[in-house]
Amino acid sequence: MSQIAMKDISVEFPGVKALQQVDCDFAGGRVKALVGANGAGKSTLMKVLSGVNSNYTGQIVFDGQPVEIRSPGDAKKLGIEIVYQEVDTCLVPNLSVGENIMTEYLVYGLKKGGVVNWKHLHREAARVLERLHVPLDTHTLVSSLTLAQKQMVVIARAALGNCKFLILDEPTAPLSQKETQKLFDLVRQLKDEGVGVIFISHRLDELFEICDSITVLRDGRLIKAFELDESVTIPSIVELMLGRVYNEAIDKSGRETGELLLEARGLADREHRVSGIDMTVRRGEIVGLSGLVGAGKTELCKTLFGAFGRQEGELLLRGKSVRVESPAAAVKNGMAFIPEERRKEGILVGEPVVTNLSLATLGKHTRMLSFINRGSENRAAESKVEDLKIKTPSVRQRVGLLSGGNQQKVTIGKWLDSGADLYIFDEPTKGIDVGAKAEVYRLIVELARQGKGIIYASSEQSEIMGLTDRVYVMYSGKIQKELITAKTNEAELLFYSTGGTKDEK
């Protein structure tokens, strides 16, 4: 089976040493976990291995021979494939499953005069799907697939050729427990076929189920590489990642529950993605939205924020009935929204930190005739960077180059001086490490201490239990149950999340 040895790998960006003399080995037929806090260098190391980042020093040895990987094409020739967390960016939604799997064949055929053997294309695509036990019709449009199914299509495309190493970057972040198990079955099959899998995840409990060994990075350096056995614990991994002992307890003290801030009565969106929503949020209160993936949490958050247009039912803010038919109307009424898909909906990845941090408050930095006061904008951004401990060389750095945790801080930071009273957080810790999660928790509690109302949507029941005061459990687009967090437990949350009713208990 194939072997990869990365030796003395270093990468430096302006003002940042992203990797410092990292040694890392990978073997075929093995699943290796690659973990570290946000900004530790995981993605940078994998971009080197996959040919996305050609600006590295050091040596890569493949099956005993030194190789140069300076482009994705170089990596592909060696059989190295990568599946990114944002699978939508890797697929063409208006093409079929078969066409997406057979992209290279399709492009080659078109280049040769537009002659494509469509039967052959779908036959070969079906063959790889059958081999991987993925039950998808190759004629189905990718746009109609679930996120988990799209991920399977990307993996199938990677496995179609001479795949010897597969890099999975946060593959389970958007998946339900059932979907995660299907992915693990696929990973085990690839492992049995001799493929080496590199598994990046912040869900540390998953590593013990699927991985053979683990490599820990911190601040661009290799900290430790070891086998995953019964002697290894999650706290010990976290300590290696952070360089300190991690305290899981969330200090929620210093808050006062005040007046009723939001009340929804029979709320629904026009297409009834959610319906019959009755809920309240008070000042200083952290209200959870719990439920499994697909329960309607994101849809409810977007309905409240006006992303789906005109609503049915009634929405009251500060005791007054309002119509929130657009995000602009929501902002005008003092609402802020931190979306689940931060790179698609929360930030402008190609713009600098300063631009992103002023998106919600640009009027404060605008002179007469709409000229932006750059000095004021920069000072405000630098203050937020310091307050939120955003790791960036400068406020001119492109947000897309920051780690996931720092991108999330920017997503939240743009709202902090907007005057919003109600903050809606949709899966805000998705894809960020335990240290960054703790910082997000502290920020949310501080907002509640300031008298802000918080809606916190999460499929992580431990987060709901540790952070919220009350919780609405969602199932199939409706609120299944309202619970006082201090008087419930994760088992009860799961019961109602799966459609259980009081009569069944």
Protein backbone atom coordinates (compact mmCIF):
# COMPACT_ATOMS: atom_id res chain seq x y z
CA MET A 1 0.00 0.00 0.00
CA SER A 2 1.10 3.57 -0.69
CA GLN A 3 2.95 5.74 1.82
CA ILE A 4 3.36 9.51 2.08
CA ALA A 5 5.99 11.27 4.18
CA MET A 6 5.82 15.06 4.54
CA LYS A 7 9.13 16.32 5.93
CA ASP A 8 10.03 19.75 7.28
CA ILE A 9 6.99 21.37 5.67
CA SER A 10 6.80 25.14 6.24
CA VAL A 11 4.41 27.75 4.85
CA GLU A 12 4.56 31.47 5.52
CA PHE A 13 2.05 34.15 4.63
CA PRO A 14 2.63 37.89 5.18
CA GLY A 15 2.99 38.23 8.94
CA VAL A 16 1.97 34.62 9.66
CA LYS A 17 3.95 31.38 9.92
CA ALA A 18 1.16 28.97 9.03
CA LEU A 19 3.33 25.83 9.20
CA GLN A 20 6.72 25.45 10.86
CA GLN A 21 8.81 22.39 9.95
CA VAL A 22 5.97 19.89 10.21
CA ASP A 23 6.67 16.16 9.74
CA CYS A 24 3.65 13.99 9.00
CA ASP A 25 3.18 10.46 7.59
CA PHE A 26 0.17 8.83 5.96
CA ALA A 27 -0.37 5.19 4.98
CA GLY A 28 -2.76 3.38 2.67
CA GLY A 29 -5.43 1.28 4.36
CA ARG A 30 -5.36 3.50 7.46
CA VAL A 31 -7.54 6.36 8.70
CA LYS A 32 -5.55 9.15 10.33
CA ALA A 33 -7.18 11.99 12.25
CA LEU A 34 -5.69 15.46 11.84
CA VAL A 35 -6.79 17.77 14.65
CA GLY A 36 -5.94 21.13 16.11
CA ALA A 37 -7.52 24.40 17.14
CA ASN A 38 -8.65 26.81 14.43
CA GLY A 39 -5.52 28.31 12.92
CA ALA A 40 -3.36 25.34 13.92
CA GLY A 41 -2.40 24.66 10.31
CA LYS A 42 -4.56 21.63 9.42
CA SER A 43 -6.09 23.12 6.29
CA THR A 44 -2.78 24.63 5.20
CA LEU A 45 -1.04 21.25 5.49
CA MET A 46 -3.76 19.56 3.47
CA LYS A 47 -3.68 22.32 0.84
CA VAL A 48 0.01 21.53 0.44
CA LEU A 49 -0.72 17.82 0.06
CA SER A 50 -3.57 18.42 -2.40
CA GLY A 51 -1.56 20.89 -4.49
CA VAL A 52 -3.70 23.94 -3.70
CA ASN A 53 -0.85 25.68 -1.88
CA SER A 54 2.34 25.49 -3.93
CA ASN A 55 4.24 27.99 -1.80
CA TYR A 56 5.82 25.58 0.68
CA THR A 57 9.30 24.50 1.66
CA GLY A 58 10.31 21.01 2.71
CA GLN A 59 9.99 17.65 1.03
CA ILE A 60 7.20 15.24 0.14
CA VAL A 61 8.10 11.59 -0.38
CA PHE A 62 5.55 9.31 -2.11
CA ASP A 63 6.23 5.56 -2.01
CA GLY A 64 9.89 6.23 -1.27
CA GLN A 65 10.39 8.74 -4.10
CA PRO A 66 10.66 12.55 -3.64
CA VAL A 67 7.82 14.31 -5.48
CA GLU A 68 6.79 17.88 -6.22
CA ILE A 69 3.14 18.72 -5.55
CA ARG A 70 2.71 22.25 -6.83
CA SER A 71 -0.78 21.99 -8.35
CA PRO A 72 -4.01 20.00 -7.89
CA GLY A 73 -3.05 18.19 -11.10
CA ASP A 74 0.20 16.99 -9.51
CA ALA A 75 -1.76 15.64 -6.53
CA LYS A 76 -4.35 13.97 -8.72
CA LYS A 77 -1.67 12.15 -10.74
CA LEU A 78 -0.43 10.65 -7.48
CA GLY A 79 -3.96 9.61 -6.49
CA ILE A 80 -4.50 12.27 -3.82
CA GLU A 81 -8.06 13.59 -3.67
CA ILE A 82 -9.69 16.09 -1.29
CA VAL A 83 -13.34 16.60 -0.31
CA TYR A 84 -13.93 20.05 1.17
CA GLN A 85 -16.52 20.85 3.82
CA GLU A 86 -18.39 23.16 1.41
CA VAL A 87 -19.35 20.39 -1.04
CA ASP A 88 -21.65 22.73 -3.00
CA THR A 89 -18.58 24.53 -4.33
CA CYS A 90 -17.34 21.23 -5.83
CA LEU A 91 -20.49 20.39 -7.79
CA VAL A 92 -22.52 21.78 -10.70
CA PRO A 93 -26.11 21.87 -9.39
CA ASN A 94 -27.82 21.88 -12.79
CA LEU A 95 -26.02 18.75 -13.96
CA SER A 96 -26.96 15.19 -13.05
CA VAL A 97 -25.29 12.94 -10.50
CA GLY A 98 -23.66 11.00 -13.32
CA GLU A 99 -22.37 14.11 -15.05
CA ASN A 100 -20.87 15.42 -11.81
CA ILE A 101 -19.15 12.12 -11.05
CA MET A 102 -17.83 11.87 -14.61
CA THR A 103 -16.80 15.54 -14.90
CA GLU A 104 -13.37 14.81 -16.38
CA TYR A 105 -14.79 12.45 -19.00
CA LEU A 106 -17.52 14.97 -19.83
CA VAL A 107 -15.06 17.85 -20.27
CA TYR A 108 -12.70 15.66 -22.31
CA GLY A 109 -15.55 14.56 -24.59
CA LEU A 110 -16.69 18.13 -25.19
CA LYS A 111 -13.14 19.22 -25.98
CA LYS A 112 -12.95 16.47 -28.59
CA GLY A 113 -15.75 17.95 -30.64
CA GLY A 114 -18.74 17.62 -28.33
CA VAL A 115 -19.19 13.86 -28.74
CA VAL A 116 -20.14 12.30 -25.41
CA ASN A 117 -21.22 8.71 -25.00
CA TRP A 118 -24.01 9.33 -22.50
CA LYS A 119 -24.76 5.65 -21.93
CA HIS A 120 -21.11 5.04 -21.10
CA LEU A 121 -21.06 8.08 -18.77
CA HIS A 122 -24.06 6.95 -16.74
CA ARG A 123 -22.96 3.29 -16.78
CA GLU A 124 -19.54 4.16 -15.31
CA ALA A 125 -21.05 6.53 -12.75
CA ALA A 126 -23.56 3.86 -11.70
CA ARG A 127 -20.73 1.35 -11.38
CA VAL A 128 -18.77 3.44 -8.88
CA LEU A 129 -21.95 4.26 -6.90
CA GLU A 130 -22.81 0.55 -6.73
CA ARG A 131 -19.27 -0.30 -5.63
CA LEU A 132 -19.55 2.23 -2.79
CA HIS A 133 -23.11 1.10 -1.92
CA VAL A 134 -24.52 4.59 -2.56
CA PRO A 135 -28.17 4.29 -3.71
CA LEU A 136 -28.45 7.24 -6.12
CA ASP A 137 -29.92 7.46 -9.61
CA THR A 138 -27.24 8.89 -11.91
CA HIS A 139 -29.89 10.88 -13.83
CA THR A 140 -30.99 12.84 -10.73
CA LEU A 141 -30.10 16.55 -10.71
CA VAL A 142 -27.56 17.39 -8.01
CA SER A 143 -29.61 20.46 -7.04
CA SER A 144 -32.32 18.13 -5.67
CA LEU A 145 -29.97 16.17 -3.39
CA THR A 146 -29.48 16.54 0.34
CA LEU A 147 -26.13 17.76 1.63
CA ALA A 148 -25.20 14.22 2.67
CA GLN A 149 -26.02 12.88 -0.80
CA LYS A 150 -23.96 15.63 -2.44
CA GLN A 151 -21.04 14.60 -0.25
CA MET A 152 -21.40 11.01 -1.46
CA VAL A 153 -21.30 12.24 -5.07
CA VAL A 154 -18.04 14.12 -4.44
CA ILE A 155 -16.50 11.06 -2.75
CA ALA A 156 -17.67 8.84 -5.61
CA ARG A 157 -15.99 11.18 -8.09
CA ALA A 158 -12.77 10.99 -6.07
CA ALA A 159 -12.97 7.19 -5.91
CA LEU A 160 -13.63 6.85 -9.63
CA GLY A 161 -9.99 7.19 -10.62
CA ASN A 162 -6.79 5.94 -9.07
CA CYS A 163 -7.55 7.29 -5.59
CA LYS A 164 -4.86 6.26 -3.11
CA PHE A 165 -5.39 8.96 -0.47
CA LEU A 166 -8.64 10.75 0.37
CA ILE A 167 -8.69 13.91 2.49
CA LEU A 168 -12.02 14.58 4.23
CA ASP A 169 -12.26 18.11 5.67
CA GLU A 170 -14.94 18.31 8.39
CA PRO A 171 -17.13 15.79 6.54
CA THR A 172 -19.63 15.23 9.36
CA ALA A 173 -20.22 18.88 10.33
CA PRO A 174 -23.53 19.19 8.39
CA LEU A 175 -24.68 15.58 8.80
CA SER A 176 -27.19 13.91 11.06
CA GLN A 177 -26.17 10.93 13.17
CA LYS A 178 -27.68 8.49 10.67
CA GLU A 179 -25.95 10.21 7.74
CA THR A 180 -22.68 10.20 9.65
CA GLN A 181 -22.88 6.44 10.11
CA LYS A 182 -23.41 5.99 6.36
CA LEU A 183 -20.32 8.09 5.72
CA PHE A 184 -18.33 6.00 8.20
CA ASP A 185 -19.41 2.83 6.39
CA LEU A 186 -18.09 4.34 3.17
CA VAL A 187 -14.80 5.32 4.82
CA ARG A 188 -14.37 1.78 6.18
CA GLN A 189 -14.94 0.35 2.71
CA LEU A 190 -12.33 2.65 1.16
CA LYS A 191 -9.92 1.71 3.94
CA ASP A 192 -10.49 -1.98 3.21
CA GLU A 193 -9.70 -1.27 -0.45
CA GLY A 194 -6.32 0.14 0.59
CA VAL A 195 -7.15 3.83 0.39
CA GLY A 196 -5.52 6.03 3.02
CA VAL A 197 -8.02 8.45 4.58
CA ILE A 198 -7.06 11.71 6.29
CA PHE A 199 -9.94 12.75 8.53
CA ILE A 200 -10.20 16.35 9.81
CA SER A 201 -12.88 16.89 12.45
CA HIS A 202 -13.67 18.97 15.52
CA ARG A 203 -16.08 16.27 16.74
CA LEU A 204 -13.47 14.44 18.75
CA ASP A 205 -15.76 11.63 19.89
CA GLU A 206 -16.05 10.51 16.25
CA LEU A 207 -12.32 9.92 15.96
CA PHE A 208 -12.44 6.92 18.28
CA GLU A 209 -15.05 5.28 16.05
CA ILE A 210 -13.37 5.68 12.67
CA CYS A 211 -9.65 6.57 13.05
CA ASP A 212 -6.56 4.42 13.67
CA SER A 213 -4.13 7.18 14.62
CA ILE A 214 -4.05 10.91 15.26
CA THR A 215 -1.77 13.86 14.58
CA VAL A 216 -2.16 17.03 16.64
CA LEU A 217 -1.08 20.45 15.36
CA ARG A 218 -0.88 23.69 17.33
CA ASP A 219 0.17 27.11 16.05
CA GLY A 220 1.56 25.62 12.88
CA ARG A 221 3.73 23.04 14.63
CA LEU A 222 3.49 19.29 15.08
CA ILE A 223 2.68 18.61 18.74
CA LYS A 224 2.24 14.84 18.81
CA ALA A 225 1.37 11.86 16.60
CA PHE A 226 0.15 8.63 18.20
CA GLU A 227 -2.14 5.61 17.86
CA LEU A 228 -5.74 5.93 19.01
CA ASP A 229 -6.30 3.29 21.67
CA GLU A 230 -8.10 2.89 24.97
CA SER A 231 -5.46 4.95 26.81
CA VAL A 232 -6.36 8.11 24.85
CA THR A 233 -9.15 10.39 26.12
CA ILE A 234 -10.91 13.42 24.68
CA PRO A 235 -9.64 15.74 27.48
CA SER A 236 -6.06 14.63 26.76
CA ILE A 237 -6.49 15.45 23.04
CA VAL A 238 -8.04 18.83 23.86
CA GLU A 239 -5.14 19.66 26.19
CA LEU A 240 -2.67 18.91 23.37
CA MET A 241 -4.69 21.05 20.96
CA LEU A 242 -4.95 24.06 23.27
CA GLY A 243 -1.74 23.72 25.27
CA ARG A 244 -3.73 23.97 28.49
CA VAL A 245 -6.45 22.23 30.47
CA TYR A 246 -9.88 23.05 29.08
CA ASN A 247 -12.78 23.91 31.40
CA GLU A 248 -16.11 22.95 29.80
CA ALA A 249 -18.31 24.84 32.28
CA ILE A 250 -20.09 27.92 30.86
CA ASP A 251 -20.45 30.83 33.28
CA LYS A 252 -23.94 32.23 32.65
CA SER A 253 -24.09 34.42 35.76
CA GLY A 254 -24.67 38.18 35.84
CA ARG A 255 -27.80 38.17 33.67
CA GLU A 256 -31.25 39.54 34.40
CA THR A 257 -34.32 38.40 32.49
CA GLY A 258 -36.23 41.50 31.45
CA GLU A 259 -39.21 42.52 29.34
CA LEU A 260 -40.71 40.43 26.58
CA LEU A 261 -38.67 41.17 23.45
CA LEU A 262 -40.08 38.82 20.82
CA GLU A 263 -43.34 36.92 20.56
CA ALA A 264 -44.42 34.74 17.64
CA ARG A 265 -48.04 33.65 17.30
CA GLY A 266 -48.84 30.98 14.72
CA LEU A 267 -45.85 32.06 12.65
CA ALA A 268 -45.19 30.33 9.31
CA ASP A 269 -43.38 31.09 6.09
CA ARG A 270 -45.31 31.16 2.84
CA GLU A 271 -44.15 27.69 1.78
CA HIS A 272 -44.75 26.25 5.26
CA ARG A 273 -41.20 25.11 5.79
CA VAL A 274 -42.16 25.93 9.38
CA SER A 275 -45.69 26.46 10.67
CA GLY A 276 -47.71 27.07 13.80
CA ILE A 277 -44.74 28.60 15.65
CA ASP A 278 -45.57 30.01 19.09
CA MET A 279 -42.51 31.22 20.98
CA THR A 280 -41.20 34.04 23.16
CA VAL A 281 -37.82 35.55 23.98
CA ARG A 282 -37.11 37.98 26.82
CA ARG A 283 -34.22 40.39 27.29
CA GLY A 284 -31.22 38.70 28.87
CA GLU A 285 -32.58 35.25 28.01
CA ILE A 286 -30.87 32.56 25.93
CA VAL A 287 -33.54 30.47 24.20
CA GLY A 288 -32.51 27.28 22.44
CA LEU A 289 -33.86 25.70 19.27
CA SER A 290 -33.08 22.00 19.45
CA GLY A 291 -33.76 19.21 16.99
CA LEU A 292 -32.14 16.84 14.56
CA VAL A 293 -30.72 17.90 11.19
CA GLY A 294 -33.68 18.83 8.96
CA ALA A 295 -36.07 19.53 11.85
CA GLY A 296 -36.62 23.12 10.69
CA LYS A 297 -34.28 25.07 13.00
CA THR A 298 -32.54 26.93 10.18
CA GLU A 299 -35.85 27.54 8.42
CA LEU A 300 -37.32 29.07 11.59
CA CYS A 301 -34.29 31.32 12.05
CA LYS A 302 -34.57 32.53 8.45
CA THR A 303 -38.33 33.01 8.74
CA LEU A 304 -37.87 35.21 11.80
CA PHE A 305 -35.21 37.22 9.97
CA GLY A 306 -37.40 37.75 6.89
CA ALA A 307 -35.23 35.70 4.53
CA PHE A 308 -38.28 33.90 3.10
CA GLY A 309 -40.31 37.05 2.57
CA ARG A 310 -43.82 37.66 3.83
CA GLN A 311 -44.81 35.63 6.88
CA GLU A 312 -48.09 34.17 8.04
CA GLY A 313 -49.24 34.56 11.62
CA GLU A 314 -48.12 37.41 13.86
CA LEU A 315 -44.74 38.62 15.05
CA LEU A 316 -44.40 41.09 17.91
CA LEU A 317 -41.20 42.93 18.82
CA ARG A 318 -41.15 44.91 22.09
CA GLY A 319 -44.93 44.47 22.29
CA LYS A 320 -45.68 45.90 18.84
CA SER A 321 -46.87 43.86 15.87
CA VAL A 322 -44.37 44.11 13.00
CA ARG A 323 -43.98 42.78 9.48
CA VAL A 324 -40.52 41.40 8.81
CA GLU A 325 -40.70 40.61 5.11
CA SER A 326 -36.99 40.99 4.33
CA PRO A 327 -33.62 40.90 6.12
CA ALA A 328 -33.48 44.69 5.71
CA ALA A 329 -36.75 44.98 7.63
CA ALA A 330 -35.37 42.64 10.30
CA VAL A 331 -32.25 44.78 10.75
CA LYS A 332 -34.39 47.93 10.90
CA ASN A 333 -36.38 46.29 13.71
CA GLY A 334 -33.25 45.53 15.73
CA MET A 335 -32.52 41.92 14.73
CA ALA A 336 -29.17 40.31 13.92
CA PHE A 337 -28.60 36.92 12.27
CA ILE A 338 -25.52 34.69 12.38
CA PRO A 339 -26.26 32.02 9.72
CA GLU A 340 -25.21 28.38 9.67
CA GLU A 341 -23.40 28.68 6.32
CA ARG A 342 -21.09 31.54 7.26
CA ARG A 343 -18.97 31.42 4.09
CA LYS A 344 -22.06 31.59 1.86
CA GLU A 345 -24.30 33.89 3.89
CA GLY A 346 -22.38 35.47 6.77
CA ILE A 347 -19.21 36.95 5.28
CA LEU A 348 -17.72 38.12 2.00
CA VAL A 349 -14.79 35.72 1.74
CA GLY A 350 -13.00 37.75 -0.92
CA GLU A 351 -13.14 41.01 1.04
CA PRO A 352 -10.87 42.14 3.89
CA VAL A 353 -11.68 41.91 7.59
CA VAL A 354 -12.35 45.64 7.84
CA THR A 355 -14.99 45.55 5.09
CA ASN A 356 -16.75 42.58 6.65
CA LEU A 357 -16.78 44.08 10.15
CA SER A 358 -18.45 47.26 8.88
CA LEU A 359 -21.11 45.58 6.69
CA ALA A 360 -23.95 46.02 9.19
CA THR A 361 -22.91 49.51 10.35
CA LEU A 362 -21.55 51.21 7.23
CA GLY A 363 -23.74 54.25 7.85
CA LYS A 364 -21.70 55.06 10.95
CA HIS A 365 -18.60 55.45 8.78
CA THR A 366 -20.20 57.32 5.88
CA ARG A 367 -19.63 61.00 5.20
CA MET A 368 -21.83 63.32 3.17
CA LEU A 369 -22.47 62.22 -0.42
CA SER A 370 -21.92 58.60 0.69
CA PHE A 371 -18.12 58.73 0.95
CA ILE A 372 -16.78 56.20 3.46
CA ASN A 373 -14.57 57.53 6.25
CA ARG A 374 -11.83 54.90 6.00
CA GLY A 375 -10.13 56.09 9.16
CA SER A 376 -13.28 55.62 11.23
CA GLU A 377 -13.96 52.24 9.59
CA ASN A 378 -10.40 51.01 10.28
CA ARG A 379 -10.42 52.17 13.91
CA ALA A 380 -13.73 50.41 14.58
CA ALA A 381 -12.47 47.22 12.92
CA GLU A 382 -9.18 47.24 14.85
CA SER A 383 -11.10 47.67 18.10
CA LYS A 384 -13.32 44.66 17.30
CA VAL A 385 -10.32 42.55 16.29
CA GLU A 386 -8.75 43.29 19.68
CA ASP A 387 -11.94 42.76 21.70
CA LEU A 388 -12.85 39.50 19.95
CA LYS A 389 -9.25 38.23 19.77
CA ILE A 390 -9.53 37.71 16.01
CA LYS A 391 -6.25 36.22 14.78
CA THR A 392 -5.33 38.13 11.63
CA PRO A 393 -2.14 39.83 10.40
CA SER A 394 -4.15 43.02 9.85
CA VAL A 395 -7.67 44.28 9.18
CA ARG A 396 -6.72 44.29 5.48
CA GLN A 397 -6.39 40.49 5.40
CA ARG A 398 -8.98 38.67 3.28
CA VAL A 399 -11.52 36.98 5.52
CA GLY A 400 -11.44 33.83 3.39
CA LEU A 401 -7.83 33.26 4.48
CA LEU A 402 -8.69 33.20 8.20
CA SER A 403 -9.42 30.02 10.14
CA GLY A 404 -13.04 28.93 10.60
CA GLY A 405 -13.20 30.16 14.19
CA ASN A 406 -11.89 33.59 13.26
CA GLN A 407 -14.28 33.81 10.32
CA GLN A 408 -17.11 33.13 12.76
CA LYS A 409 -15.89 35.90 15.06
CA VAL A 410 -16.01 38.29 12.10
CA THR A 411 -19.53 37.07 11.25
CA ILE A 412 -20.65 37.91 14.79
CA GLY A 413 -18.49 41.01 15.15
CA LYS A 414 -20.15 42.92 12.33
CA TRP A 415 -23.36 43.08 14.39
CA LEU A 416 -21.94 44.17 17.74
CA ASP A 417 -22.38 47.92 17.30
CA SER A 418 -25.47 47.68 15.08
CA GLY A 419 -27.87 48.42 17.94
CA ALA A 420 -29.58 45.02 17.56
CA ASP A 421 -31.66 43.77 20.52
CA LEU A 422 -32.33 40.24 19.27
CA TYR A 423 -29.51 37.97 18.10
CA ILE A 424 -30.32 34.79 16.17
CA PHE A 425 -27.50 32.22 16.13
CA ASP A 426 -27.87 29.25 13.78
CA GLU A 427 -25.32 26.49 14.50
CA PRO A 428 -22.65 29.10 15.36
CA THR A 429 -20.04 26.54 16.48
CA LYS A 430 -20.25 24.40 13.35
CA GLY A 431 -16.74 23.55 12.15
CA ILE A 432 -14.81 25.34 14.89
CA ASP A 433 -12.61 23.90 17.63
CA VAL A 434 -13.32 23.63 21.36
CA GLY A 435 -11.29 26.72 22.22
CA ALA A 436 -13.11 28.89 19.66
CA LYS A 437 -16.42 27.41 20.82
CA ALA A 438 -15.72 28.57 24.37
CA GLU A 439 -15.03 32.09 23.09
CA VAL A 440 -18.32 32.09 21.14
CA TYR A 441 -20.18 30.93 24.27
CA ARG A 442 -18.61 33.72 26.34
CA LEU A 443 -19.56 36.29 23.69
CA ILE A 444 -23.17 35.08 23.62
CA VAL A 445 -23.46 35.21 27.41
CA GLU A 446 -21.99 38.73 27.43
CA LEU A 447 -24.61 39.84 24.91
CA ALA A 448 -27.30 38.41 27.19
CA ARG A 449 -25.75 40.30 30.14
CA GLN A 450 -26.20 43.48 28.10
CA GLY A 451 -29.92 42.75 27.89
CA LYS A 452 -29.97 41.28 24.42
CA GLY A 453 -32.35 38.45 23.62
CA ILE A 454 -30.66 35.34 22.19
CA ILE A 455 -32.07 32.57 19.99
CA TYR A 456 -29.56 29.73 19.80
CA ALA A 457 -30.22 26.95 17.26
CA SER A 458 -28.10 23.81 17.53
CA SER A 459 -28.31 20.11 16.80
CA GLU A 460 -25.67 19.57 19.52
CA GLN A 461 -27.73 18.70 22.60
CA SER A 462 -24.79 19.24 24.95
CA GLU A 463 -24.58 22.86 23.77
CA ILE A 464 -28.27 23.40 24.34
CA MET A 465 -28.02 21.96 27.86
CA GLY A 466 -24.95 23.99 28.78
CA LEU A 467 -25.92 27.37 27.38
CA THR A 468 -29.68 27.96 27.27
CA ASP A 469 -32.39 28.87 29.78
CA ARG A 470 -35.34 27.47 27.86
CA VAL A 471 -35.49 25.30 24.76
CA TYR A 472 -38.01 24.75 21.99
CA VAL A 473 -37.59 21.26 20.51
CA MET A 474 -38.41 21.14 16.80
CA TYR A 475 -39.64 18.26 14.69
CA SER A 476 -40.79 18.37 11.06
CA GLY A 477 -41.00 22.16 10.90
CA LYS A 478 -43.01 22.59 14.09
CA ILE A 479 -42.30 23.09 17.78
CA GLN A 480 -42.77 19.72 19.39
CA LYS A 481 -42.16 20.78 22.99
CA GLU A 482 -41.06 23.72 25.14
CA LEU A 483 -38.78 22.79 28.06
CA ILE A 484 -36.98 24.53 30.92
CA THR A 485 -33.34 23.60 30.38
CA ALA A 486 -32.55 23.15 34.07
CA LYS A 487 -35.45 20.71 34.39
CA THR A 488 -34.69 18.48 31.40
CA ASN A 489 -31.87 16.31 30.05
CA GLU A 490 -30.39 15.19 26.74
CA ALA A 491 -32.50 12.03 26.69
CA GLU A 492 -35.70 14.09 26.86
CA LEU A 493 -34.44 16.44 24.15
CA LEU A 494 -33.77 13.44 21.91
CA PHE A 495 -37.19 11.95 22.67
CA TYR A 496 -39.04 15.04 21.46
CA SER A 497 -36.54 15.59 18.60
CA THR A 498 -37.59 12.26 17.13
CA GLY A 499 -41.29 13.14 17.20
CA GLY A 500 -42.15 11.79 20.64
CA THR A 501 -45.15 13.15 22.50
CA LYS A 502 -45.99 13.42 26.18
CA ASP A 503 -48.50 10.58 25.91
CA GLU A 504 -45.78 8.19 24.76
CA LYS A 505 -43.41 8.84 27.66
